[in-house]
Amino acid sequence: MFAVYADSFSTDDPLQGLVVGERPDPQVPDGWTTVTVKAASLNHHDVWSLKGVGLKEESLPMILGCDAAGLDEDGNEVVVHAVISDPAWSGDETMDPKRSLLSERYQGTFADKVVVPRGNVVPKPASLSFEEAACLPTAWLTAYRMLFVQGGLKAGDTVLVQGAGGGVATALITLARAGGLRVLATSRDELKRKRALEIGAHEVFESGARLPVKVDAVMETVGRATWSHSIRSLRVGGKIVISGTTSGPQVDDAGLTRIFFLQLQVIGSTMGTRGELASLVTMLDATGARPLIDRILPMEDAREGFAAMAGGELFGKVVFTR
């Protein structure tokens, strides 16, 4: 079958190990099912995999891709949940120490077909296109959990989204606005600030700028470059929810004094559960909110999408279609 996969690693030139070609059809274990892929979206995880982050050399060649929407074996339109938990695990699958994402231990979604546990498929409503639905399982699910599960935010709260432009950040802005929150966003880039307003932010600011109000929560995916600003932007008792550190995990000043004195909460968040993915799908179906897609490419042109992501040339998601 057709597939986009990694056959080697390179930290300096990750696209060196990217192959667009053919792979064997997948084997289907008991309790698993085959989804025929109609659309799949690109994540930073896929670029990191080509650098050898989270992917072992003995697992190569590995089909890349965490996210997909397509048809199940009965022809139903479905969205694929990317978190694969241990069969013995019960409860929140994001807490399973043996969990993995598609394309880490199991072959990913950039292919004609992907094989997943039967419990990892969620019905896709007709109101969502395959391209839109394919954006949801990683970046959008991460954003949903950050805002409404780990963040516990409700209509009327004020939230700051750091680093507008990336897949998670654009999802945070759109979902927060759809959920009735007041949304502030930052970016170093003037064009990205303008785009953030277009997709739902109430106000935008340059990175590090003093805000006119203290916020109830900060959604943090950037890390080192924005951490100090995030801590300073919170009201007494506010929350910072962190799901990534794209600018680096080390910080010069963690703001520990401010954290304890103002009784701030620092909350980690990663991915989301199948139930949360189903709730996210329902929310989009009900509100009309939709993922922001930067570009749609045939999967044969995957290298173009990877190059754009590696070069930071995106505002929203890259989607590959079959």
Protein backbone atom coordinates (compact mmCIF):
# COMPACT_ATOMS: atom_id res chain seq x y z
CA MET A 1 0.00 0.00 0.00
CA PHE A 2 1.02 3.65 -0.42
CA ALA A 3 2.65 5.18 2.66
CA VAL A 4 4.81 8.06 3.95
CA TYR A 5 7.40 6.72 6.36
CA ALA A 6 10.69 7.26 8.17
CA ASP A 7 13.59 4.98 7.31
CA SER A 8 16.37 6.88 9.11
CA PHE A 9 16.98 9.74 11.56
CA SER A 10 18.77 13.07 11.21
CA THR A 11 18.76 15.93 13.69
CA ASP A 12 20.29 18.35 11.18
CA ASP A 13 18.15 17.43 8.15
CA PRO A 14 15.10 15.47 9.34
CA LEU A 15 13.55 15.29 5.88
CA GLN A 16 16.53 13.21 4.77
CA GLY A 17 14.90 10.12 6.28
CA LEU A 18 11.42 10.76 4.84
CA VAL A 19 10.28 8.28 2.20
CA VAL A 20 7.16 8.45 0.03
CA GLY A 21 6.57 4.97 -1.35
CA GLU A 22 5.12 1.55 -0.69
CA ARG A 23 4.79 -0.53 2.49
CA PRO A 24 3.15 -3.91 3.15
CA ASP A 25 -0.55 -3.96 4.04
CA PRO A 26 -0.98 -3.98 7.84
CA GLN A 27 -1.72 -7.09 9.86
CA VAL A 28 -4.87 -6.84 11.99
CA PRO A 29 -4.55 -8.20 15.57
CA ASP A 30 -7.59 -9.53 17.43
CA GLY A 31 -9.71 -6.68 18.73
CA TRP A 32 -8.30 -4.21 16.18
CA THR A 33 -9.88 -2.81 13.04
CA THR A 34 -8.79 -1.29 9.73
CA VAL A 35 -9.60 2.30 8.79
CA THR A 36 -9.28 3.36 5.17
CA VAL A 37 -7.67 6.79 5.39
CA LYS A 38 -9.34 9.67 3.57
CA ALA A 39 -7.40 12.50 5.23
CA ALA A 40 -4.56 12.77 7.75
CA SER A 41 -2.99 15.83 9.34
CA LEU A 42 0.62 16.69 10.10
CA ASN A 43 1.96 17.41 13.59
CA HIS A 44 5.31 18.54 15.00
CA HIS A 45 5.48 15.00 16.40
CA ASP A 46 6.04 13.75 12.85
CA VAL A 47 9.03 16.05 12.31
CA TRP A 48 10.46 15.10 15.71
CA SER A 49 10.09 11.42 14.78
CA LEU A 50 12.38 12.03 11.80
CA LYS A 51 14.92 13.41 14.30
CA GLY A 52 14.66 10.24 16.39
CA VAL A 53 12.62 11.77 19.22
CA GLY A 54 10.21 9.22 20.70
CA LEU A 55 10.96 6.69 17.99
CA LYS A 56 13.49 3.89 18.30
CA GLU A 57 15.78 2.91 15.45
CA GLU A 58 14.76 -0.73 15.72
CA SER A 59 11.17 0.35 14.92
CA LEU A 60 12.17 1.64 11.48
CA PRO A 61 10.78 1.78 8.88
CA MET A 62 7.83 3.48 10.59
CA ILE A 63 4.80 4.95 8.85
CA LEU A 64 4.37 8.46 10.22
CA GLY A 65 1.18 10.25 11.23
CA CYS A 66 -0.97 10.33 14.37
CA ASP A 67 -4.20 11.80 13.02
CA ALA A 68 -6.69 10.47 10.51
CA ALA A 69 -10.29 10.40 9.43
CA GLY A 70 -11.71 7.81 7.09
CA LEU A 71 -13.98 4.82 6.68
CA ASP A 72 -14.21 1.84 9.02
CA GLU A 73 -14.70 -1.72 7.80
CA ASP A 74 -18.46 -1.16 7.54
CA GLY A 75 -18.11 2.04 5.56
CA ASN A 76 -18.92 4.36 8.47
CA GLU A 77 -17.19 7.74 8.59
CA VAL A 78 -14.89 7.84 11.63
CA VAL A 79 -12.14 9.79 13.36
CA VAL A 80 -9.13 7.86 14.70
CA HIS A 81 -8.05 8.36 18.32
CA ALA A 82 -4.24 8.39 18.31
CA VAL A 83 -3.49 7.23 21.88
CA ILE A 84 -2.91 3.48 22.10
CA SER A 85 -3.13 2.25 25.69
CA ASP A 86 -2.16 -1.08 27.19
CA PRO A 87 -5.02 -3.62 26.88
CA ALA A 88 -4.84 -4.19 30.65
CA TRP A 89 -5.25 -0.47 31.43
CA SER A 90 -8.58 0.97 32.55
CA GLY A 91 -9.47 4.61 33.08
CA ASP A 92 -7.90 7.73 31.58
CA GLU A 93 -5.61 6.41 28.84
CA THR A 94 -3.41 9.51 29.01
CA MET A 95 -2.30 8.29 32.47
CA ASP A 96 -1.24 4.84 31.23
CA PRO A 97 2.56 4.61 31.63
CA LYS A 98 2.64 2.13 28.72
CA ARG A 99 0.62 4.30 26.34
CA SER A 100 1.99 5.34 22.97
CA LEU A 101 0.90 7.37 19.99
CA LEU A 102 0.37 5.98 16.54
CA SER A 103 3.71 6.10 14.66
CA GLU A 104 5.74 5.38 17.83
CA ARG A 105 5.15 1.69 18.51
CA TYR A 106 2.42 1.06 15.94
CA GLN A 107 2.37 2.12 12.29
CA GLY A 108 0.85 5.56 11.67
CA THR A 109 -1.82 7.17 9.56
CA PHE A 110 0.05 8.50 6.49
CA ALA A 111 -0.99 5.52 4.39
CA ASP A 112 -3.90 3.99 2.52
CA LYS A 113 -4.89 2.12 5.70
CA VAL A 114 -4.22 2.28 9.43
CA VAL A 115 -4.94 -0.43 12.00
CA VAL A 116 -6.14 0.57 15.48
CA PRO A 117 -7.97 -0.97 18.45
CA ARG A 118 -11.72 -1.02 17.85
CA GLY A 119 -12.20 1.36 20.77
CA ASN A 120 -10.03 3.97 19.03
CA VAL A 121 -12.58 5.02 16.44
CA VAL A 122 -15.08 7.81 17.02
CA PRO A 123 -18.06 8.51 14.71
CA LYS A 124 -17.56 11.51 12.42
CA PRO A 125 -20.63 13.73 11.96
CA ALA A 126 -21.61 14.61 8.42
CA SER A 127 -21.12 18.31 9.25
CA LEU A 128 -17.34 17.82 9.44
CA SER A 129 -15.34 17.13 6.29
CA PHE A 130 -12.69 14.42 6.36
CA GLU A 131 -10.05 17.15 6.14
CA GLU A 132 -11.48 19.00 9.15
CA ALA A 133 -11.96 15.83 11.20
CA ALA A 134 -8.38 14.73 10.51
CA CYS A 135 -7.11 17.82 12.37
CA LEU A 136 -8.72 16.85 15.67
CA PRO A 137 -7.05 13.82 17.31
CA THR A 138 -3.74 15.43 18.36
CA ALA A 139 -3.55 19.25 18.31
CA TRP A 140 -7.24 19.94 18.75
CA LEU A 141 -7.75 17.24 21.37
CA THR A 142 -4.72 18.57 23.25
CA ALA A 143 -6.26 22.06 23.19
CA TYR A 144 -9.68 20.80 24.30
CA ARG A 145 -8.22 18.98 27.30
CA MET A 146 -6.04 21.97 28.24
CA LEU A 147 -8.99 24.37 28.28
CA PHE A 148 -11.93 22.40 29.58
CA VAL A 149 -10.53 19.39 31.45
CA GLN A 150 -7.18 20.33 33.00
CA GLY A 151 -7.93 24.06 32.94
CA GLY A 152 -11.55 23.67 34.06
CA LEU A 153 -12.41 26.93 32.29
CA LYS A 154 -15.98 28.11 31.79
CA ALA A 155 -17.81 30.79 29.85
CA GLY A 156 -16.80 34.26 31.01
CA ASP A 157 -13.26 33.33 32.06
CA THR A 158 -10.28 35.09 30.49
CA VAL A 159 -7.50 33.01 28.93
CA LEU A 160 -4.13 33.91 27.42
CA VAL A 161 -2.84 31.78 24.54
CA GLN A 162 0.90 32.09 24.03
CA GLY A 163 2.50 31.79 20.59
CA ALA A 164 -0.45 32.11 18.21
CA GLY A 165 0.17 30.32 14.94
CA GLY A 166 0.90 26.69 15.74
CA GLY A 167 -1.68 23.93 15.45
CA VAL A 168 -2.40 23.72 19.19
CA ALA A 169 -2.44 27.51 19.62
CA THR A 170 -4.91 28.09 16.79
CA ALA A 171 -7.09 25.30 18.20
CA LEU A 172 -6.94 26.92 21.64
CA ILE A 173 -8.08 30.28 20.26
CA THR A 174 -10.96 28.82 18.25
CA LEU A 175 -12.19 26.47 20.98
CA ALA A 176 -11.88 29.07 23.74
CA ARG A 177 -13.95 31.55 21.72
CA ALA A 178 -16.54 28.86 20.92
CA GLY A 179 -16.71 28.02 24.64
CA GLY A 180 -17.55 31.58 25.63
CA LEU A 181 -14.14 32.59 27.01
CA ARG A 182 -12.46 35.98 26.59
CA VAL A 183 -9.36 35.21 24.53
CA LEU A 184 -6.05 37.08 24.54
CA ALA A 185 -3.19 35.87 22.34
CA THR A 186 0.46 36.72 21.74
CA SER A 187 2.90 36.34 18.88
CA ARG A 188 6.18 37.86 17.77
CA ASP A 189 4.80 38.01 14.24
CA GLU A 190 2.43 40.84 13.25
CA LEU A 191 0.72 38.74 10.56
CA LYS A 192 0.08 35.91 13.01
CA ARG A 193 -1.40 38.38 15.49
CA LYS A 194 -3.75 39.60 12.77
CA ARG A 195 -4.74 36.04 11.88
CA ALA A 196 -5.35 35.28 15.58
CA LEU A 197 -7.93 38.09 15.65
CA GLU A 198 -9.58 36.67 12.54
CA ILE A 199 -10.06 33.23 14.10
CA GLY A 200 -11.49 34.46 17.39
CA ALA A 201 -9.03 36.22 19.69
CA HIS A 202 -10.53 39.32 21.31
CA GLU A 203 -7.15 41.07 21.70
CA VAL A 204 -3.59 40.31 20.56
CA PHE A 205 -0.23 41.46 21.86
CA GLU A 206 3.44 41.19 21.04
CA SER A 207 5.18 38.40 22.92
CA GLY A 208 6.10 39.57 26.41
CA ALA A 209 3.90 42.69 26.32
CA ARG A 210 2.19 43.82 29.51
CA LEU A 211 -1.48 42.84 29.41
CA PRO A 212 -4.30 45.21 30.40
CA VAL A 213 -5.78 42.59 32.75
CA LYS A 214 -4.64 39.59 34.73
CA VAL A 215 -6.01 36.36 33.25
CA ASP A 216 -7.68 33.35 34.83
CA ALA A 217 -5.47 30.92 32.93
CA VAL A 218 -2.57 30.78 30.49
CA MET A 219 -2.30 28.07 27.85
CA GLU A 220 1.43 27.42 27.49
CA THR A 221 3.00 25.43 24.65
CA VAL A 222 6.13 27.52 24.04
CA GLY A 223 8.15 27.04 27.22
CA ARG A 224 11.34 28.96 27.85
CA ALA A 225 10.60 32.00 25.65
CA THR A 226 7.22 32.79 27.24
CA TRP A 227 7.26 31.16 30.69
CA SER A 228 8.12 34.27 32.72
CA HIS A 229 5.47 36.30 30.90
CA SER A 230 2.91 33.55 31.50
CA ILE A 231 3.53 33.55 35.24
CA ARG A 232 3.37 37.38 35.43
CA SER A 233 0.09 37.46 33.51
CA LEU A 234 -1.94 35.36 35.97
CA ARG A 235 -4.36 36.63 38.57
CA VAL A 236 -4.10 35.44 42.17
CA GLY A 237 -5.00 31.74 42.19
CA GLY A 238 -4.76 31.50 38.40
CA LYS A 239 -3.67 28.48 36.39
CA ILE A 240 -1.00 27.83 33.83
CA VAL A 241 -1.67 24.72 31.75
CA ILE A 242 1.37 23.43 29.87
CA SER A 243 1.42 20.85 27.10
CA GLY A 244 4.66 21.63 25.28
CA THR A 245 7.98 23.46 25.28
CA THR A 246 8.71 24.27 21.64
CA SER A 247 11.30 26.92 22.58
CA GLY A 248 13.02 24.68 25.12
CA PRO A 249 12.23 23.23 28.57
CA GLN A 250 14.80 25.11 30.65
CA VAL A 251 13.88 28.54 32.05
CA ASP A 252 16.14 31.15 33.62
CA ASP A 253 13.55 32.17 36.21
CA ALA A 254 10.78 29.70 37.06
CA GLY A 255 8.90 32.36 39.04
CA LEU A 256 8.69 30.13 42.11
CA THR A 257 8.21 33.04 44.52
CA ARG A 258 5.27 34.38 42.51
CA ILE A 259 3.83 30.87 42.17
CA PHE A 260 3.65 30.23 45.91
CA PHE A 261 2.86 33.79 47.00
CA LEU A 262 -0.04 34.17 44.54
CA GLN A 263 -1.05 30.50 44.98
CA LEU A 264 -0.82 29.83 41.27
CA GLN A 265 -1.49 26.39 39.83
CA VAL A 266 0.86 24.78 37.31
CA ILE A 267 -0.89 21.92 35.53
CA GLY A 268 0.54 19.50 32.99
CA SER A 269 -1.62 18.24 30.14
CA THR A 270 -1.03 15.75 27.36
CA MET A 271 -3.32 14.62 24.55
CA GLY A 272 -6.79 13.46 25.67
CA THR A 273 -9.07 10.47 26.06
CA ARG A 274 -11.34 8.84 23.50
CA GLY A 275 -14.32 10.26 25.42
CA GLU A 276 -12.84 13.75 25.23
CA LEU A 277 -12.29 13.33 21.49
CA ALA A 278 -15.97 12.39 21.14
CA SER A 279 -16.93 15.49 23.17
CA LEU A 280 -14.70 17.68 20.98
CA VAL A 281 -16.32 16.31 17.82
CA THR A 282 -19.75 16.99 19.30
CA MET A 283 -18.73 20.54 20.28
CA LEU A 284 -17.62 21.36 16.74
CA ASP A 285 -20.77 19.79 15.30
CA ALA A 286 -22.94 21.88 17.63
CA THR A 287 -21.10 25.22 17.49
CA GLY A 288 -19.94 25.32 13.88
CA ALA A 289 -16.35 26.02 14.99
CA ARG A 290 -13.88 24.49 12.57
CA PRO A 291 -10.14 23.76 12.47
CA LEU A 292 -7.98 26.28 10.69
CA ILE A 293 -6.25 24.55 7.77
CA ASP A 294 -3.15 26.17 6.31
CA ARG A 295 -3.00 23.89 3.28
CA ILE A 296 -4.36 20.64 1.86
CA LEU A 297 -1.99 18.45 -0.13
CA PRO A 298 -2.24 15.02 -1.74
CA MET A 299 -0.31 12.56 0.41
CA GLU A 300 2.08 12.05 -2.51
CA ASP A 301 3.26 15.63 -1.85
CA ALA A 302 3.89 15.03 1.85
CA ARG A 303 7.47 16.29 1.61
CA GLU A 304 6.16 19.79 0.82
CA GLY A 305 4.06 19.80 3.99
CA PHE A 306 6.92 18.52 6.14
CA ALA A 307 9.22 21.22 4.73
CA ALA A 308 6.70 23.95 5.53
CA MET A 309 6.34 22.73 9.11
CA ALA A 310 10.08 22.36 9.62
CA GLY A 311 10.52 25.92 8.31
CA GLY A 312 7.82 27.39 10.58
CA GLU A 313 5.82 28.64 7.59
CA LEU A 314 2.37 27.64 8.83
CA PHE A 315 -0.70 29.17 10.43
CA GLY A 316 -2.97 26.23 11.15
CA LYS A 317 -2.85 22.62 10.04
CA VAL A 318 -1.37 20.78 7.08
CA VAL A 319 -3.71 18.06 5.84
CA PHE A 320 -2.83 15.21 3.47
CA THR A 321 -5.59 13.57 1.44
CA ARG A 322 -6.00 10.19 -0.28
